[in-house]
Amino acid sequence: MFEYELQQIRSAEMIRAADNYRLAREAARSRRAARREAARSDLDSEGRVNGHRSSRRPRFARAA
């Protein structure tokens, strides 16, 4: 009987953890979508040519 109760508690904890994980992923997905939408509305009709790559490392390696 004791093992059954422990299994029930563990099952409920795992379900709660899965729900929290799902909620966190959904929140992150909605934040990304909001950022994408805000970036899209900020762009002019032509759009950016270089994008955000220029702030990171160069696209091609330098020749020796």
PDB file of N, CA and C in Angstrom:
ATOM      1  N   MET A   1       0.820  -1.194   0.000  1.00  0.00           N
ATOM      2  CA  MET A   1       0.000   0.000   0.000  1.00  0.00           C
ATOM      3  C   MET A   1       0.868   1.264   0.000  1.00  0.00           C
ATOM      4  N   PHE A   2       1.938   1.245   0.792  1.00  0.00           N
ATOM      5  CA  PHE A   2       2.822   2.385   0.875  1.00  0.00           C
ATOM      6  C   PHE A   2       3.471   2.677  -0.482  1.00  0.00           C
ATOM      7  N   GLU A   3       3.891   1.642  -1.189  1.00  0.00           N
ATOM      8  CA  GLU A   3       4.505   1.813  -2.509  1.00  0.00           C
ATOM      9  C   GLU A   3       3.532   2.440  -3.491  1.00  0.00           C
ATOM     10  N   TYR A   4       2.274   2.061  -3.392  1.00  0.00           N
ATOM     11  CA  TYR A   4       1.258   2.626  -4.274  1.00  0.00           C
ATOM     12  C   TYR A   4       1.107   4.129  -4.046  1.00  0.00           C
ATOM     13  N   GLU A   5       1.090   4.545  -2.789  1.00  0.00           N
ATOM     14  CA  GLU A   5       0.990   5.966  -2.467  1.00  0.00           C
ATOM     15  C   GLU A   5       2.199   6.728  -2.998  1.00  0.00           C
ATOM     16  N   LEU A   6       3.393   6.170  -2.831  1.00  0.00           N
ATOM     17  CA  LEU A   6       4.597   6.811  -3.353  1.00  0.00           C
ATOM     18  C   LEU A   6       4.526   6.937  -4.875  1.00  0.00           C
ATOM     19  N   GLN A   7       4.026   5.906  -5.522  1.00  0.00           N
ATOM     20  CA  GLN A   7       3.910   5.943  -6.978  1.00  0.00           C
ATOM     21  C   GLN A   7       2.911   7.012  -7.408  1.00  0.00           C
ATOM     22  N   GLN A   8       1.827   7.174  -6.702  1.00  0.00           N
ATOM     23  CA  GLN A   8       0.831   8.199  -7.002  1.00  0.00           C
ATOM     24  C   GLN A   8       1.427   9.600  -6.838  1.00  0.00           C
ATOM     25  N   ILE A   9       2.190   9.800  -5.766  1.00  0.00           N
ATOM     26  CA  ILE A   9       2.824  11.092  -5.525  1.00  0.00           C
ATOM     27  C   ILE A   9       3.823  11.396  -6.633  1.00  0.00           C
ATOM     28  N   ARG A  10       4.632  10.400  -6.978  1.00  0.00           N
ATOM     29  CA  ARG A  10       5.642  10.590  -8.033  1.00  0.00           C
ATOM     30  C   ARG A  10       4.971  10.895  -9.371  1.00  0.00           C
ATOM     31  N   SER A  11       3.888  10.208  -9.654  1.00  0.00           N
ATOM     32  CA  SER A  11       3.162  10.441 -10.901  1.00  0.00           C
ATOM     33  C   SER A  11       2.615  11.870 -10.952  1.00  0.00           C
ATOM     34  N   ALA A  12       2.050  12.330  -9.856  1.00  0.00           N
ATOM     35  CA  ALA A  12       1.516  13.692  -9.805  1.00  0.00           C
ATOM     36  C   ALA A  12       2.631  14.717  -9.964  1.00  0.00           C
ATOM     37  N   GLU A  13       3.800  14.469  -9.366  1.00  0.00           N
ATOM     38  CA  GLU A  13       4.933  15.381  -9.513  1.00  0.00           C
ATOM     39  C   GLU A  13       5.405  15.445 -10.959  1.00  0.00           C
ATOM     40  N   MET A  14       5.459  14.297 -11.607  1.00  0.00           N
ATOM     41  CA  MET A  14       5.906  14.260 -12.998  1.00  0.00           C
ATOM     42  C   MET A  14       4.913  14.986 -13.913  1.00  0.00           C
ATOM     43  N   ILE A  15       3.637  14.839 -13.647  1.00  0.00           N
ATOM     44  CA  ILE A  15       2.622  15.538 -14.446  1.00  0.00           C
ATOM     45  C   ILE A  15       2.742  17.041 -14.249  1.00  0.00           C
ATOM     46  N   ARG A  16       2.963  17.485 -13.000  1.00  0.00           N
ATOM     47  CA  ARG A  16       3.153  18.910 -12.728  1.00  0.00           C
ATOM     48  C   ARG A  16       4.397  19.444 -13.428  1.00  0.00           C
ATOM     49  N   ALA A  17       5.487  18.669 -13.391  1.00  0.00           N
ATOM     50  CA  ALA A  17       6.729  19.104 -14.039  1.00  0.00           C
ATOM     51  C   ALA A  17       6.533  19.211 -15.555  1.00  0.00           C
ATOM     52  N   ALA A  18       5.820  18.267 -16.140  1.00  0.00           N
ATOM     53  CA  ALA A  18       5.566  18.311 -17.582  1.00  0.00           C
ATOM     54  C   ALA A  18       4.700  19.513 -17.945  1.00  0.00           C
ATOM     55  N   ASP A  19       3.716  19.817 -17.123  1.00  0.00           N
ATOM     56  CA  ASP A  19       2.871  20.990 -17.374  1.00  0.00           C
ATOM     57  C   ASP A  19       3.681  22.284 -17.292  1.00  0.00           C
ATOM     58  N   ASN A  20       4.566  22.368 -16.287  1.00  0.00           N
ATOM     59  CA  ASN A  20       5.418  23.554 -16.164  1.00  0.00           C
ATOM     60  C   ASN A  20       6.342  23.689 -17.366  1.00  0.00           C
ATOM     61  N   TYR A  21       6.909  22.591 -17.820  1.00  0.00           N
ATOM     62  CA  TYR A  21       7.805  22.607 -18.978  1.00  0.00           C
ATOM     63  C   TYR A  21       7.048  23.072 -20.220  1.00  0.00           C
ATOM     64  N   ARG A  22       5.850  22.544 -20.419  1.00  0.00           N
ATOM     65  CA  ARG A  22       5.024  22.934 -21.566  1.00  0.00           C
ATOM     66  C   ARG A  22       4.680  24.417 -21.524  1.00  0.00           C
ATOM     67  N   LEU A  23       4.343  24.897 -20.335  1.00  0.00           N
ATOM     68  CA  LEU A  23       3.999  26.309 -20.172  1.00  0.00           C
ATOM     69  C   LEU A  23       5.196  27.207 -20.477  1.00  0.00           C
ATOM     70  N   ALA A  24       6.380  26.811 -20.014  1.00  0.00           N
ATOM     71  CA  ALA A  24       7.591  27.597 -20.273  1.00  0.00           C
ATOM     72  C   ALA A  24       7.905  27.633 -21.763  1.00  0.00           C
ATOM     73  N   ARG A  25       7.765  26.503 -22.445  1.00  0.00           N
ATOM     74  CA  ARG A  25       8.027  26.467 -23.881  1.00  0.00           C
ATOM     75  C   ARG A  25       7.019  27.320 -24.648  1.00  0.00           C
ATOM     76  N   GLU A  26       5.767  27.281 -24.221  1.00  0.00           N
ATOM     77  CA  GLU A  26       4.745  28.095 -24.873  1.00  0.00           C
ATOM     78  C   GLU A  26       5.021  29.583 -24.683  1.00  0.00           C
ATOM     79  N   ALA A  27       5.463  29.968 -23.475  1.00  0.00           N
ATOM     80  CA  ALA A  27       5.788  31.371 -23.213  1.00  0.00           C
ATOM     81  C   ALA A  27       6.968  31.815 -24.078  1.00  0.00           C
ATOM     82  N   ALA A  28       7.990  30.971 -24.186  1.00  0.00           N
ATOM     83  CA  ALA A  28       9.151  31.308 -25.012  1.00  0.00           C
ATOM     84  C   ALA A  28       8.741  31.428 -26.480  1.00  0.00           C
ATOM     85  N   ARG A  29       7.892  30.532 -26.926  1.00  0.00           N
ATOM     86  CA  ARG A  29       7.430  30.577 -28.317  1.00  0.00           C
ATOM     87  C   ARG A  29       6.645  31.850 -28.593  1.00  0.00           C
ATOM     88  N   SER A  30       5.811  32.261 -27.654  1.00  0.00           N
ATOM     89  CA  SER A  30       5.024  33.477 -27.870  1.00  0.00           C
ATOM     90  C   SER A  30       5.913  34.720 -27.818  1.00  0.00           C
ATOM     91  N   ARG A  31       6.948  34.712 -26.950  1.00  0.00           N
ATOM     92  CA  ARG A  31       7.887  35.843 -26.929  1.00  0.00           C
ATOM     93  C   ARG A  31       8.636  35.947 -28.249  1.00  0.00           C
ATOM     94  N   ARG A  32       9.075  34.807 -28.790  1.00  0.00           N
ATOM     95  CA  ARG A  32       9.767  34.834 -30.084  1.00  0.00           C
ATOM     96  C   ARG A  32       8.852  35.348 -31.173  1.00  0.00           C
ATOM     97  N   ALA A  33       7.599  34.912 -31.162  1.00  0.00           N
ATOM     98  CA  ALA A  33       6.644  35.366 -32.175  1.00  0.00           C
ATOM     99  C   ALA A  33       6.401  36.857 -32.050  1.00  0.00           C
ATOM    100  N   ALA A  34       6.315  37.363 -30.824  1.00  0.00           N
ATOM    101  CA  ALA A  34       6.100  38.799 -30.622  1.00  0.00           C
ATOM    102  C   ALA A  34       7.309  39.592 -31.109  1.00  0.00           C
ATOM    103  N   ARG A  35       8.514  39.096 -30.816  1.00  0.00           N
ATOM    104  CA  ARG A  35       9.723  39.778 -31.305  1.00  0.00           C
ATOM    105  C   ARG A  35       9.772  39.774 -32.824  1.00  0.00           C
ATOM    106  N   ARG A  36       9.426  38.640 -33.419  1.00  0.00           N
ATOM    107  CA  ARG A  36       9.426  38.539 -34.879  1.00  0.00           C
ATOM    108  C   ARG A  36       8.426  39.513 -35.481  1.00  0.00           C
ATOM    109  N   GLU A  37       7.249  39.589 -34.876  1.00  0.00           N
ATOM    110  CA  GLU A  37       6.216  40.498 -35.378  1.00  0.00           C
ATOM    111  C   GLU A  37       6.646  41.951 -35.219  1.00  0.00           C
ATOM    112  N   ALA A  38       7.273  42.281 -34.084  1.00  0.00           N
ATOM    113  CA  ALA A  38       7.744  43.652 -33.872  1.00  0.00           C
ATOM    114  C   ALA A  38       8.839  43.999 -34.871  1.00  0.00           C
ATOM    115  N   ALA A  39       9.741  43.076 -35.137  1.00  0.00           N
ATOM    116  CA  ALA A  39      10.811  43.329 -36.107  1.00  0.00           C
ATOM    117  C   ALA A  39      10.227  43.490 -37.502  1.00  0.00           C
ATOM    118  N   ARG A  40       9.225  42.710 -37.812  1.00  0.00           N
ATOM    119  CA  ARG A  40       8.604  42.791 -39.132  1.00  0.00           C
ATOM    120  C   ARG A  40       7.894  44.124 -39.311  1.00  0.00           C
ATOM    121  N   SER A  41       7.269  44.635 -38.253  1.00  0.00           N
ATOM    122  CA  SER A  41       6.549  45.903 -38.372  1.00  0.00           C
ATOM    123  C   SER A  41       7.514  47.087 -38.407  1.00  0.00           C
ATOM    124  N   ASP A  42       8.716  46.923 -37.831  1.00  0.00           N
ATOM    125  CA  ASP A  42       9.706  48.007 -37.839  1.00  0.00           C
ATOM    126  C   ASP A  42      10.386  48.162 -39.194  1.00  0.00           C
ATOM    127  N   LEU A  43      10.419  47.105 -39.969  1.00  0.00           N
ATOM    128  CA  LEU A  43      11.112  47.175 -41.255  1.00  0.00           C
ATOM    129  C   LEU A  43      10.330  48.010 -42.246  1.00  0.00           C
ATOM    130  N   ASP A  44      11.060  48.664 -43.133  1.00  0.00           N
ATOM    131  CA  ASP A  44      10.368  49.394 -44.197  1.00  0.00           C
ATOM    132  C   ASP A  44       9.944  48.405 -45.275  1.00  0.00           C
ATOM    133  N   SER A  45       9.358  48.880 -46.338  1.00  0.00           N
ATOM    134  CA  SER A  45       8.821  47.979 -47.358  1.00  0.00           C
ATOM    135  C   SER A  45       9.911  47.200 -48.071  1.00  0.00           C
ATOM    136  N   GLU A  46      11.118  47.746 -48.141  1.00  0.00           N
ATOM    137  CA  GLU A  46      12.214  47.067 -48.823  1.00  0.00           C
ATOM    138  C   GLU A  46      12.835  45.983 -47.941  1.00  0.00           C
ATOM    139  N   GLY A  47      12.907  46.223 -46.667  1.00  0.00           N
ATOM    140  CA  GLY A  47      13.536  45.271 -45.768  1.00  0.00           C
ATOM    141  C   GLY A  47      15.026  45.518 -45.665  1.00  0.00           C
ATOM    142  N   ARG A  48      15.654  44.858 -44.711  1.00  0.00           N
ATOM    143  CA  ARG A  48      17.095  45.013 -44.535  1.00  0.00           C
ATOM    144  C   ARG A  48      17.827  44.049 -45.442  1.00  0.00           C
ATOM    145  N   VAL A  49      18.970  44.467 -45.930  1.00  0.00           N
ATOM    146  CA  VAL A  49      19.748  43.609 -46.814  1.00  0.00           C
ATOM    147  C   VAL A  49      20.648  42.700 -46.003  1.00  0.00           C
ATOM    148  N   ASN A  50      21.376  43.270 -45.052  1.00  0.00           N
ATOM    149  CA  ASN A  50      22.351  42.492 -44.302  1.00  0.00           C
ATOM    150  C   ASN A  50      21.745  41.713 -43.147  1.00  0.00           C
ATOM    151  N   GLY A  51      20.631  42.120 -42.651  1.00  0.00           N
ATOM    152  CA  GLY A  51      20.028  41.443 -41.517  1.00  0.00           C
ATOM    153  C   GLY A  51      20.826  41.667 -40.256  1.00  0.00           C
ATOM    154  N   HIS A  52      20.804  40.733 -39.350  1.00  0.00           N
ATOM    155  CA  HIS A  52      21.508  40.893 -38.088  1.00  0.00           C
ATOM    156  C   HIS A  52      22.859  40.198 -38.097  1.00  0.00           C
ATOM    157  N   ARG A  53      23.284  39.657 -39.225  1.00  0.00           N
ATOM    158  CA  ARG A  53      24.561  38.956 -39.301  1.00  0.00           C
ATOM    159  C   ARG A  53      25.765  39.861 -39.095  1.00  0.00           C
ATOM    160  N   SER A  54      25.650  41.113 -39.495  1.00  0.00           N
ATOM    161  CA  SER A  54      26.806  42.003 -39.458  1.00  0.00           C
ATOM    162  C   SER A  54      27.312  42.224 -38.032  1.00  0.00           C
ATOM    163  N   SER A  55      26.453  42.088 -37.036  1.00  0.00           N
ATOM    164  CA  SER A  55      26.890  42.304 -35.669  1.00  0.00           C
ATOM    165  C   SER A  55      27.608  41.089 -35.108  1.00  0.00           C
ATOM    166  N   ARG A  56      27.416  39.941 -35.733  1.00  0.00           N
ATOM    167  CA  ARG A  56      28.106  38.735 -35.273  1.00  0.00           C
ATOM    168  C   ARG A  56      29.390  38.546 -36.070  1.00  0.00           C
ATOM    169  N   ARG A  57      29.902  37.353 -36.091  1.00  0.00           N
ATOM    170  CA  ARG A  57      31.139  37.110 -36.825  1.00  0.00           C
ATOM    171  C   ARG A  57      30.909  37.195 -38.323  1.00  0.00           C
ATOM    172  N   PRO A  58      31.969  37.419 -39.101  1.00  0.00           N
ATOM    173  CA  PRO A  58      31.803  37.533 -40.550  1.00  0.00           C
ATOM    174  C   PRO A  58      31.308  36.223 -41.161  1.00  0.00           C
ATOM    175  N   ARG A  59      30.660  36.342 -42.271  1.00  0.00           N
ATOM    176  CA  ARG A  59      30.065  35.176 -42.913  1.00  0.00           C
ATOM    177  C   ARG A  59      31.132  34.249 -43.500  1.00  0.00           C
ATOM    178  N   PHE A  60      32.190  34.820 -44.091  1.00  0.00           N
ATOM    179  CA  PHE A  60      33.226  34.023 -44.712  1.00  0.00           C
ATOM    180  C   PHE A  60      34.551  34.245 -43.980  1.00  0.00           C
ATOM    181  N   ALA A  61      35.380  33.231 -43.969  1.00  0.00           N
ATOM    182  CA  ALA A  61      36.700  33.345 -43.342  1.00  0.00           C
ATOM    183  C   ALA A  61      37.603  34.202 -44.215  1.00  0.00           C
ATOM    184  N   ARG A  62      38.559  34.870 -43.564  1.00  0.00           N
ATOM    185  CA  ARG A  62      39.487  35.717 -44.317  1.00  0.00           C
ATOM    186  C   ARG A  62      40.499  34.851 -45.044  1.00  0.00           C
ATOM    187  N   ALA A  63      40.865  35.306 -46.230  1.00  0.00           N
ATOM    188  CA  ALA A  63      41.874  34.571 -47.003  1.00  0.00           C
ATOM    189  C   ALA A  63      43.251  34.870 -46.419  1.00  0.00           C
ATOM    190  N   ALA A  64      44.130  33.899 -46.520  1.00  0.00           N
ATOM    191  CA  ALA A  64      45.489  34.058 -45.976  1.00  0.00           C
ATOM    192  C   ALA A  64      46.341  34.953 -46.839  1.00  0.00           C
TER     193      ALA A  64
END
